[in-house]
Amino acid sequence: MKAKKILVFSGSTRTGSVNTRLAIVAHKAAIDAGADATLINLNDYPANIYNGDDEATSGIPESMQQLKMLMAQHDGFVVVTPEYNGHVPPLLVNTFSWASRKEEGDQGMVAFAGKTAAIMAASPGRLGGIRVIPRLRDMLAELSVTVVPGFVTLPAALQAFDDKGHLIDDTHSKAVSGLVERLIQSL
């Protein structure tokens, strides 16, 4: 049986981001579970803030076309996000806005339709990003992505990793692995 293809990315491009560190852990968990996993950094897919006028005059940025095709080539996603005042960060909103745009010759939502995702959040605070989880789930559902039941949040994330990037608490490691395995089984 062919390995399922999982695209893993963080909604943060900040240097030393705890969400990116959690995405790296999830990427390894996906590989360990037998998936063909790809970890990307959204810094590699820059785009201006979505504006319909810009799209009408210049089209979809090449970087977003590349990301859209990459997303279309994967069976599912692991999305790890920071929480901005309880909301999905602008980087993810913008990325999803551009990647959802229909181009000539595609069926629309090609990057999202029929996909399944696992969602996670990390935060230096005590709540671990819990407030963003339902908003991210709703956003993905509106893009025709099925989100597997459950989620991972990582509170006190600045102290959650060792110097090699591994999660210190085995409970958190098991939660990440379990969620990633549920994603793979659902594909």
C-alpha atoms as a PDB file:
ATOM      1  CA  MET A   1       0.000   0.000   0.000  1.00  0.00           C
ATOM      2  CA  LYS A   2       1.277   3.450  -0.920  1.00  0.00           C
ATOM      3  CA  ALA A   3       2.186   5.754   1.986  1.00  0.00           C
ATOM      4  CA  LYS A   4      -0.238   8.603   2.600  1.00  0.00           C
ATOM      5  CA  LYS A   5       1.142  12.048   1.796  1.00  0.00           C
ATOM      6  CA  ILE A   6       0.902  14.547   4.635  1.00  0.00           C
ATOM      7  CA  LEU A   7       1.797  18.244   4.341  1.00  0.00           C
ATOM      8  CA  VAL A   8       2.855  19.772   7.666  1.00  0.00           C
ATOM      9  CA  PHE A   9       3.062  23.516   8.239  1.00  0.00           C
ATOM     10  CA  SER A  10       2.975  26.153  10.928  1.00  0.00           C
ATOM     11  CA  GLY A  11       0.958  29.347  10.887  1.00  0.00           C
ATOM     12  CA  SER A  12       3.982  31.159  12.284  1.00  0.00           C
ATOM     13  CA  THR A  13       7.178  32.156  10.536  1.00  0.00           C
ATOM     14  CA  ARG A  14       8.712  33.810  13.597  1.00  0.00           C
ATOM     15  CA  THR A  15      12.293  32.772  14.384  1.00  0.00           C
ATOM     16  CA  GLY A  16      12.202  30.147  17.128  1.00  0.00           C
ATOM     17  CA  SER A  17       8.417  29.791  16.886  1.00  0.00           C
ATOM     18  CA  VAL A  18       7.007  27.230  19.312  1.00  0.00           C
ATOM     19  CA  ASN A  19       4.384  26.391  16.689  1.00  0.00           C
ATOM     20  CA  THR A  20       7.058  25.649  14.109  1.00  0.00           C
ATOM     21  CA  ARG A  21       8.859  23.532  16.689  1.00  0.00           C
ATOM     22  CA  LEU A  22       5.614  21.628  17.299  1.00  0.00           C
ATOM     23  CA  ALA A  23       5.173  21.210  13.533  1.00  0.00           C
ATOM     24  CA  ILE A  24       8.640  19.637  13.375  1.00  0.00           C
ATOM     25  CA  VAL A  25       7.613  17.171  16.097  1.00  0.00           C
ATOM     26  CA  ALA A  26       4.395  16.381  14.176  1.00  0.00           C
ATOM     27  CA  HIS A  27       6.371  15.902  10.949  1.00  0.00           C
ATOM     28  CA  LYS A  28       8.609  13.342  12.641  1.00  0.00           C
ATOM     29  CA  ALA A  29       5.561  11.615  14.145  1.00  0.00           C
ATOM     30  CA  ALA A  30       4.028  11.340  10.659  1.00  0.00           C
ATOM     31  CA  ILE A  31       7.193   9.801   9.235  1.00  0.00           C
ATOM     32  CA  ASP A  32       7.438   7.419  12.195  1.00  0.00           C
ATOM     33  CA  ALA A  33       3.821   6.365  11.534  1.00  0.00           C
ATOM     34  CA  GLY A  34       4.675   5.495   7.917  1.00  0.00           C
ATOM     35  CA  ALA A  35       3.455   8.594   6.092  1.00  0.00           C
ATOM     36  CA  ASP A  36       5.256  10.362   3.291  1.00  0.00           C
ATOM     37  CA  ALA A  37       5.416  13.671   5.166  1.00  0.00           C
ATOM     38  CA  THR A  38       6.582  17.045   3.869  1.00  0.00           C
ATOM     39  CA  LEU A  39       7.374  19.913   6.225  1.00  0.00           C
ATOM     40  CA  ILE A  40       7.193  23.392   4.722  1.00  0.00           C
ATOM     41  CA  ASN A  41       7.802  26.915   5.952  1.00  0.00           C
ATOM     42  CA  LEU A  42       5.248  29.458   4.754  1.00  0.00           C
ATOM     43  CA  ASN A  43       8.104  31.987   4.426  1.00  0.00           C
ATOM     44  CA  ASP A  44       8.931  30.088   1.240  1.00  0.00           C
ATOM     45  CA  TYR A  45       5.518  31.055  -0.205  1.00  0.00           C
ATOM     46  CA  PRO A  46       5.263  34.835   0.192  1.00  0.00           C
ATOM     47  CA  ALA A  47       2.233  36.769  -1.010  1.00  0.00           C
ATOM     48  CA  ASN A  48       0.732  40.185  -0.528  1.00  0.00           C
ATOM     49  CA  ILE A  49      -2.416  40.444   1.541  1.00  0.00           C
ATOM     50  CA  TYR A  50      -5.244  39.071  -0.577  1.00  0.00           C
ATOM     51  CA  ASN A  51      -7.078  41.758  -2.524  1.00  0.00           C
ATOM     52  CA  GLY A  52      -9.536  40.972  -5.296  1.00  0.00           C
ATOM     53  CA  ASP A  53      -8.337  43.966  -7.315  1.00  0.00           C
ATOM     54  CA  ASP A  54      -4.763  42.669  -7.226  1.00  0.00           C
ATOM     55  CA  GLU A  55      -5.964  39.236  -8.278  1.00  0.00           C
ATOM     56  CA  ALA A  56      -7.954  40.741 -11.183  1.00  0.00           C
ATOM     57  CA  THR A  57      -4.966  42.717 -12.481  1.00  0.00           C
ATOM     58  CA  SER A  58      -2.049  40.398 -11.660  1.00  0.00           C
ATOM     59  CA  GLY A  59      -3.556  36.983 -11.051  1.00  0.00           C
ATOM     60  CA  ILE A  60      -2.570  34.581  -8.302  1.00  0.00           C
ATOM     61  CA  PRO A  61       1.047  35.053  -7.196  1.00  0.00           C
ATOM     62  CA  GLU A  62       3.403  32.365  -8.479  1.00  0.00           C
ATOM     63  CA  SER A  63       4.317  31.428  -4.905  1.00  0.00           C
ATOM     64  CA  MET A  64       0.662  30.761  -4.105  1.00  0.00           C
ATOM     65  CA  GLN A  65       0.214  28.768  -7.315  1.00  0.00           C
ATOM     66  CA  GLN A  66       3.149  26.601  -6.230  1.00  0.00           C
ATOM     67  CA  LEU A  67       1.733  26.152  -2.737  1.00  0.00           C
ATOM     68  CA  LYS A  68      -1.703  25.368  -4.101  1.00  0.00           C
ATOM     69  CA  MET A  69      -0.284  22.601  -6.310  1.00  0.00           C
ATOM     70  CA  LEU A  70       1.791  21.245  -3.424  1.00  0.00           C
ATOM     71  CA  MET A  71      -1.306  21.112  -1.260  1.00  0.00           C
ATOM     72  CA  ALA A  72      -3.231  19.378  -4.031  1.00  0.00           C
ATOM     73  CA  GLN A  73      -0.549  16.660  -4.200  1.00  0.00           C
ATOM     74  CA  HIS A  74      -1.020  15.690  -0.554  1.00  0.00           C
ATOM     75  CA  ASP A  75      -3.747  13.578   1.022  1.00  0.00           C
ATOM     76  CA  GLY A  76      -3.915  15.548   4.237  1.00  0.00           C
ATOM     77  CA  PHE A  77      -2.453  18.300   6.374  1.00  0.00           C
ATOM     78  CA  VAL A  78      -1.163  18.915   9.841  1.00  0.00           C
ATOM     79  CA  VAL A  79      -1.754  22.583  10.618  1.00  0.00           C
ATOM     80  CA  VAL A  80      -0.066  24.001  13.707  1.00  0.00           C
ATOM     81  CA  THR A  81      -1.123  27.508  14.582  1.00  0.00           C
ATOM     82  CA  PRO A  82      -0.466  30.268  17.030  1.00  0.00           C
ATOM     83  CA  GLU A  83      -3.396  32.124  18.517  1.00  0.00           C
ATOM     84  CA  TYR A  84      -3.694  35.853  17.901  1.00  0.00           C
ATOM     85  CA  ASN A  85      -6.142  37.194  20.471  1.00  0.00           C
ATOM     86  CA  GLY A  86      -8.101  33.979  20.146  1.00  0.00           C
ATOM     87  CA  HIS A  87      -8.119  34.063  16.357  1.00  0.00           C
ATOM     88  CA  VAL A  88      -6.374  32.399  13.432  1.00  0.00           C
ATOM     89  CA  PRO A  89      -3.235  34.394  12.564  1.00  0.00           C
ATOM     90  CA  PRO A  90      -3.254  36.632   9.484  1.00  0.00           C
ATOM     91  CA  LEU A  91      -0.582  34.495   7.796  1.00  0.00           C
ATOM     92  CA  LEU A  92      -2.883  31.467   7.676  1.00  0.00           C
ATOM     93  CA  VAL A  93      -5.915  33.517   6.689  1.00  0.00           C
ATOM     94  CA  ASN A  94      -3.974  35.054   3.803  1.00  0.00           C
ATOM     95  CA  THR A  95      -2.456  31.738   2.745  1.00  0.00           C
ATOM     96  CA  PHE A  96      -5.844  30.026   2.731  1.00  0.00           C
ATOM     97  CA  SER A  97      -7.430  32.979   0.924  1.00  0.00           C
ATOM     98  CA  TRP A  98      -4.928  32.825  -1.948  1.00  0.00           C
ATOM     99  CA  ALA A  99      -4.776  29.003  -2.106  1.00  0.00           C
ATOM    100  CA  SER A 100      -8.569  28.795  -2.379  1.00  0.00           C
ATOM    101  CA  ARG A 101      -8.758  30.987  -5.480  1.00  0.00           C
ATOM    102  CA  LYS A 102      -9.933  29.287  -8.657  1.00  0.00           C
ATOM    103  CA  GLU A 103      -7.664  29.378 -11.667  1.00  0.00           C
ATOM    104  CA  GLU A 104      -8.486  28.666 -15.269  1.00  0.00           C
ATOM    105  CA  GLY A 105      -8.528  24.928 -15.783  1.00  0.00           C
ATOM    106  CA  ASP A 106      -8.992  23.853 -12.172  1.00  0.00           C
ATOM    107  CA  GLN A 107     -12.163  22.856 -10.402  1.00  0.00           C
ATOM    108  CA  GLY A 108     -11.734  25.344  -7.575  1.00  0.00           C
ATOM    109  CA  MET A 109     -10.719  24.420  -4.061  1.00  0.00           C
ATOM    110  CA  VAL A 110      -8.234  21.998  -5.626  1.00  0.00           C
ATOM    111  CA  ALA A 111      -5.874  22.568  -2.682  1.00  0.00           C
ATOM    112  CA  PHE A 112      -8.552  21.715  -0.114  1.00  0.00           C
ATOM    113  CA  ALA A 113     -11.454  19.619  -1.463  1.00  0.00           C
ATOM    114  CA  GLY A 114     -11.413  16.062  -0.186  1.00  0.00           C
ATOM    115  CA  LYS A 115      -8.525  16.732   2.196  1.00  0.00           C
ATOM    116  CA  THR A 116      -8.362  15.826   5.857  1.00  0.00           C
ATOM    117  CA  ALA A 117      -6.415  17.702   8.508  1.00  0.00           C
ATOM    118  CA  ALA A 118      -5.183  17.417  12.055  1.00  0.00           C
ATOM    119  CA  ILE A 119      -4.913  20.665  13.984  1.00  0.00           C
ATOM    120  CA  MET A 120      -2.612  21.782  16.770  1.00  0.00           C
ATOM    121  CA  ALA A 121      -1.701  24.965  18.616  1.00  0.00           C
ATOM    122  CA  ALA A 122       1.082  26.050  20.942  1.00  0.00           C
ATOM    123  CA  SER A 123       1.352  29.067  23.188  1.00  0.00           C
ATOM    124  CA  PRO A 124       3.626  30.370  25.910  1.00  0.00           C
ATOM    125  CA  GLY A 125       0.482  30.887  28.005  1.00  0.00           C
ATOM    126  CA  ARG A 126      -1.484  28.466  30.164  1.00  0.00           C
ATOM    127  CA  LEU A 127      -4.229  27.842  27.609  1.00  0.00           C
ATOM    128  CA  GLY A 128      -1.912  26.503  24.907  1.00  0.00           C
ATOM    129  CA  GLY A 129      -3.842  28.073  22.042  1.00  0.00           C
ATOM    130  CA  ILE A 130      -7.143  26.390  22.888  1.00  0.00           C
ATOM    131  CA  ARG A 131      -9.208  29.411  21.796  1.00  0.00           C
ATOM    132  CA  VAL A 132      -7.990  29.232  18.185  1.00  0.00           C
ATOM    133  CA  ILE A 133      -8.843  25.552  17.699  1.00  0.00           C
ATOM    134  CA  PRO A 134     -12.609  25.960  16.995  1.00  0.00           C
ATOM    135  CA  ARG A 135     -11.947  28.923  14.700  1.00  0.00           C
ATOM    136  CA  LEU A 136      -9.323  27.007  12.711  1.00  0.00           C
ATOM    137  CA  ARG A 137     -11.626  23.983  12.530  1.00  0.00           C
ATOM    138  CA  ASP A 138     -14.448  26.190  11.171  1.00  0.00           C
ATOM    139  CA  MET A 139     -12.131  27.866   8.673  1.00  0.00           C
ATOM    140  CA  LEU A 140     -10.921  24.526   7.324  1.00  0.00           C
ATOM    141  CA  ALA A 141     -14.494  23.190   7.153  1.00  0.00           C
ATOM    142  CA  GLU A 142     -15.500  26.181   5.022  1.00  0.00           C
ATOM    143  CA  LEU A 143     -12.644  25.231   2.680  1.00  0.00           C
ATOM    144  CA  SER A 144     -14.065  21.678   2.353  1.00  0.00           C
ATOM    145  CA  VAL A 145     -11.412  20.125   4.616  1.00  0.00           C
ATOM    146  CA  THR A 146     -12.489  17.463   7.093  1.00  0.00           C
ATOM    147  CA  VAL A 147     -10.768  17.870  10.448  1.00  0.00           C
ATOM    148  CA  VAL A 148     -10.150  14.666  12.391  1.00  0.00           C
ATOM    149  CA  PRO A 149     -11.670  14.539  15.860  1.00  0.00           C
ATOM    150  CA  GLY A 150      -9.453  15.868  18.595  1.00  0.00           C
ATOM    151  CA  PHE A 151      -6.587  18.327  18.610  1.00  0.00           C
ATOM    152  CA  VAL A 152      -3.352  19.044  20.431  1.00  0.00           C
ATOM    153  CA  THR A 153      -2.638  22.185  22.415  1.00  0.00           C
ATOM    154  CA  LEU A 154       0.687  22.888  24.045  1.00  0.00           C
ATOM    155  CA  PRO A 155       0.620  25.302  26.997  1.00  0.00           C
ATOM    156  CA  ALA A 156       3.814  26.809  28.469  1.00  0.00           C
ATOM    157  CA  ALA A 157       5.403  26.013  25.117  1.00  0.00           C
ATOM    158  CA  LEU A 158       8.569  28.014  25.743  1.00  0.00           C
ATOM    159  CA  GLN A 159       9.519  25.399  28.346  1.00  0.00           C
ATOM    160  CA  ALA A 160       8.056  22.367  26.519  1.00  0.00           C
ATOM    161  CA  PHE A 161      11.025  21.422  24.314  1.00  0.00           C
ATOM    162  CA  ASP A 162      14.495  20.134  25.151  1.00  0.00           C
ATOM    163  CA  ASP A 163      17.608  21.475  23.432  1.00  0.00           C
ATOM    164  CA  LYS A 164      17.192  18.912  20.608  1.00  0.00           C
ATOM    165  CA  GLY A 165      13.641  20.044  19.824  1.00  0.00           C
ATOM    166  CA  HIS A 166      11.887  17.061  21.425  1.00  0.00           C
ATOM    167  CA  LEU A 167       8.895  17.508  23.671  1.00  0.00           C
ATOM    168  CA  ILE A 168       9.933  17.066  27.297  1.00  0.00           C
ATOM    169  CA  ASP A 169       6.581  15.773  28.553  1.00  0.00           C
ATOM    170  CA  ASP A 170       5.810  12.277  27.274  1.00  0.00           C
ATOM    171  CA  THR A 171       2.073  13.030  27.541  1.00  0.00           C
ATOM    172  CA  HIS A 172       2.446  15.755  24.911  1.00  0.00           C
ATOM    173  CA  SER A 173       4.538  13.487  22.655  1.00  0.00           C
ATOM    174  CA  LYS A 174       1.904  10.761  22.834  1.00  0.00           C
ATOM    175  CA  ALA A 175      -0.859  13.280  22.108  1.00  0.00           C
ATOM    176  CA  VAL A 176       0.926  14.477  18.947  1.00  0.00           C
ATOM    177  CA  SER A 177       1.646  10.922  17.778  1.00  0.00           C
ATOM    178  CA  GLY A 178      -1.919   9.826  18.497  1.00  0.00           C
ATOM    179  CA  LEU A 179      -3.461  12.698  16.577  1.00  0.00           C
ATOM    180  CA  VAL A 180      -1.143  12.191  13.604  1.00  0.00           C
ATOM    181  CA  GLU A 181      -1.935   8.463  13.581  1.00  0.00           C
ATOM    182  CA  ARG A 182      -5.689   9.250  13.599  1.00  0.00           C
ATOM    183  CA  LEU A 183      -5.128  11.543  10.618  1.00  0.00           C
ATOM    184  CA  ILE A 184      -3.259   8.848   8.686  1.00  0.00           C
ATOM    185  CA  GLN A 185      -5.894   6.207   9.503  1.00  0.00           C
ATOM    186  CA  SER A 186      -8.646   8.521   8.263  1.00  0.00           C
ATOM    187  CA  LEU A 187      -7.061   8.951   4.821  1.00  0.00           C
END
